[in-house]
């Protein structure tokens, strides 16, 4: 399943946790766990794009203890160099 995630992310375009889960036929929570493991092992990198969606600050700031400010505007995944090498072997 880890290799399938590398293939899906490596195809490019916008890939969400929901779309990965649907393509693999697994729950979204399992997808999150597998992606976290791939990030930890250095195969994937997560980037945050845009401002934080902020209920507290009209400037889009981030309050460290505020759950309303804890969600980034957009999270994307990309293959690292290690991930690209591994994808090339699949």
C-alpha atoms as a PDB file:
ATOM      1  CA  UNK A   1       0.000   0.000   0.000  1.00  0.00           C
ATOM      2  CA  UNK A   2       2.884   2.369   0.689  1.00  0.00           C
ATOM      3  CA  UNK A   3       4.136   1.928  -2.869  1.00  0.00           C
ATOM      4  CA  UNK A   4       0.679   2.681  -4.247  1.00  0.00           C
ATOM      5  CA  UNK A   5       0.659   5.988  -2.350  1.00  0.00           C
ATOM      6  CA  UNK A   6       4.026   6.869  -3.893  1.00  0.00           C
ATOM      7  CA  UNK A   7       2.617   6.085  -7.345  1.00  0.00           C
ATOM      8  CA  UNK A   8      -0.507   8.184  -6.766  1.00  0.00           C
ATOM      9  CA  UNK A   9       1.373  11.202  -5.379  1.00  0.00           C
ATOM     10  CA  UNK A  10       4.035  10.877  -8.087  1.00  0.00           C
ATOM     11  CA  UNK A  11       1.436  11.243 -10.836  1.00  0.00           C
ATOM     12  CA  UNK A  12       1.154  14.907  -9.953  1.00  0.00           C
ATOM     13  CA  UNK A  13      -1.872  17.098  -9.839  1.00  0.00           C
ATOM     14  CA  UNK A  14      -3.875  17.815  -6.727  1.00  0.00           C
ATOM     15  CA  UNK A  15      -4.121  14.749  -4.535  1.00  0.00           C
ATOM     16  CA  UNK A  16      -6.108  14.774  -1.320  1.00  0.00           C
ATOM     17  CA  UNK A  17      -6.249  12.252   1.496  1.00  0.00           C
ATOM     18  CA  UNK A  18      -9.836  11.530   0.419  1.00  0.00           C
ATOM     19  CA  UNK A  19      -8.816  10.848  -3.184  1.00  0.00           C
ATOM     20  CA  UNK A  20      -5.935   8.585  -2.123  1.00  0.00           C
ATOM     21  CA  UNK A  21      -8.309   6.683   0.174  1.00  0.00           C
ATOM     22  CA  UNK A  22     -10.918   6.294  -2.553  1.00  0.00           C
ATOM     23  CA  UNK A  23      -8.374   5.040  -5.099  1.00  0.00           C
ATOM     24  CA  UNK A  24      -6.961   2.551  -2.611  1.00  0.00           C
ATOM     25  CA  UNK A  25     -10.290   1.521  -1.086  1.00  0.00           C
ATOM     26  CA  UNK A  26      -9.160   2.205   2.484  1.00  0.00           C
ATOM     27  CA  UNK A  27     -10.429   4.518   5.256  1.00  0.00           C
ATOM     28  CA  UNK A  28      -9.097   8.088   5.305  1.00  0.00           C
ATOM     29  CA  UNK A  29      -7.624   7.551   8.787  1.00  0.00           C
ATOM     30  CA  UNK A  30      -5.502   4.663   7.465  1.00  0.00           C
ATOM     31  CA  UNK A  31      -4.322   6.880   4.614  1.00  0.00           C
ATOM     32  CA  UNK A  32      -3.275   9.548   7.133  1.00  0.00           C
ATOM     33  CA  UNK A  33      -1.302   6.972   9.112  1.00  0.00           C
ATOM     34  CA  UNK A  34       0.467   5.633   6.013  1.00  0.00           C
ATOM     35  CA  UNK A  35       1.300   9.119   4.733  1.00  0.00           C
ATOM     36  CA  UNK A  36       2.667  10.095   8.151  1.00  0.00           C
ATOM     37  CA  UNK A  37       4.927   7.047   8.027  1.00  0.00           C
ATOM     38  CA  UNK A  38       6.134   7.893   4.503  1.00  0.00           C
ATOM     39  CA  UNK A  39       6.869  11.466   5.621  1.00  0.00           C
ATOM     40  CA  UNK A  40       8.718  10.185   8.695  1.00  0.00           C
ATOM     41  CA  UNK A  41      10.823   7.826   6.535  1.00  0.00           C
ATOM     42  CA  UNK A  42      11.663  10.634   4.094  1.00  0.00           C
ATOM     43  CA  UNK A  43       9.715   9.468   1.019  1.00  0.00           C
ATOM     44  CA  UNK A  44       7.125  12.261   1.102  1.00  0.00           C
ATOM     45  CA  UNK A  45       7.190  15.915   2.124  1.00  0.00           C
ATOM     46  CA  UNK A  46       4.145  17.858   3.237  1.00  0.00           C
ATOM     47  CA  UNK A  47       3.851  21.518   2.298  1.00  0.00           C
ATOM     48  CA  UNK A  48       1.408  24.060   3.610  1.00  0.00           C
ATOM     49  CA  UNK A  49       0.222  26.605   1.075  1.00  0.00           C
ATOM     50  CA  UNK A  50      -1.692  29.742   1.787  1.00  0.00           C
ATOM     51  CA  UNK A  51      -2.596  31.401   5.016  1.00  0.00           C
ATOM     52  CA  UNK A  52      -4.081  29.770   8.032  1.00  0.00           C
ATOM     53  CA  UNK A  53      -7.845  29.886   8.109  1.00  0.00           C
ATOM     54  CA  UNK A  54      -8.216  32.043  11.167  1.00  0.00           C
ATOM     55  CA  UNK A  55     -11.311  32.678  13.213  1.00  0.00           C
ATOM     56  CA  UNK A  56      -9.325  34.905  15.572  1.00  0.00           C
ATOM     57  CA  UNK A  57      -7.284  37.104  13.280  1.00  0.00           C
ATOM     58  CA  UNK A  58      -8.484  38.767  10.073  1.00  0.00           C
ATOM     59  CA  UNK A  59      -4.846  38.865   8.939  1.00  0.00           C
ATOM     60  CA  UNK A  60      -4.747  35.052   8.842  1.00  0.00           C
ATOM     61  CA  UNK A  61      -2.442  34.700  11.819  1.00  0.00           C
ATOM     62  CA  UNK A  62      -2.001  31.513  13.793  1.00  0.00           C
ATOM     63  CA  UNK A  63      -2.722  31.189  17.505  1.00  0.00           C
ATOM     64  CA  UNK A  64      -0.670  28.339  18.952  1.00  0.00           C
ATOM     65  CA  UNK A  65      -3.342  27.275  21.456  1.00  0.00           C
ATOM     66  CA  UNK A  66      -6.419  27.865  19.324  1.00  0.00           C
ATOM     67  CA  UNK A  67      -8.097  24.940  17.581  1.00  0.00           C
ATOM     68  CA  UNK A  68      -9.918  27.340  15.256  1.00  0.00           C
ATOM     69  CA  UNK A  69      -6.561  28.502  13.887  1.00  0.00           C
ATOM     70  CA  UNK A  70      -4.917  25.102  13.662  1.00  0.00           C
ATOM     71  CA  UNK A  71      -6.025  24.241  10.129  1.00  0.00           C
ATOM     72  CA  UNK A  72      -3.857  25.405   7.206  1.00  0.00           C
ATOM     73  CA  UNK A  73      -5.541  26.686   4.077  1.00  0.00           C
ATOM     74  CA  UNK A  74      -4.106  23.896   1.884  1.00  0.00           C
ATOM     75  CA  UNK A  75      -1.847  20.919   2.618  1.00  0.00           C
ATOM     76  CA  UNK A  76      -0.125  19.201  -0.294  1.00  0.00           C
ATOM     77  CA  UNK A  77       2.138  16.183  -0.591  1.00  0.00           C
ATOM     78  CA  UNK A  78       5.112  15.774  -2.859  1.00  0.00           C
ATOM     79  CA  UNK A  79       7.735  13.123  -3.382  1.00  0.00           C
ATOM     80  CA  UNK A  80      11.176  13.769  -1.964  1.00  0.00           C
ATOM     81  CA  UNK A  81      14.255  12.699  -3.940  1.00  0.00           C
ATOM     82  CA  UNK A  82      14.229   9.456  -1.969  1.00  0.00           C
ATOM     83  CA  UNK A  83      10.550   9.000  -2.851  1.00  0.00           C
ATOM     84  CA  UNK A  84      11.225   9.635  -6.542  1.00  0.00           C
ATOM     85  CA  UNK A  85      13.970   7.006  -6.557  1.00  0.00           C
ATOM     86  CA  UNK A  86      11.695   4.482  -4.864  1.00  0.00           C
ATOM     87  CA  UNK A  87       8.830   5.272  -7.250  1.00  0.00           C
ATOM     88  CA  UNK A  88      11.182   4.647 -10.171  1.00  0.00           C
ATOM     89  CA  UNK A  89      11.831   1.120  -8.868  1.00  0.00           C
ATOM     90  CA  UNK A  90       8.143   0.202  -8.668  1.00  0.00           C
END
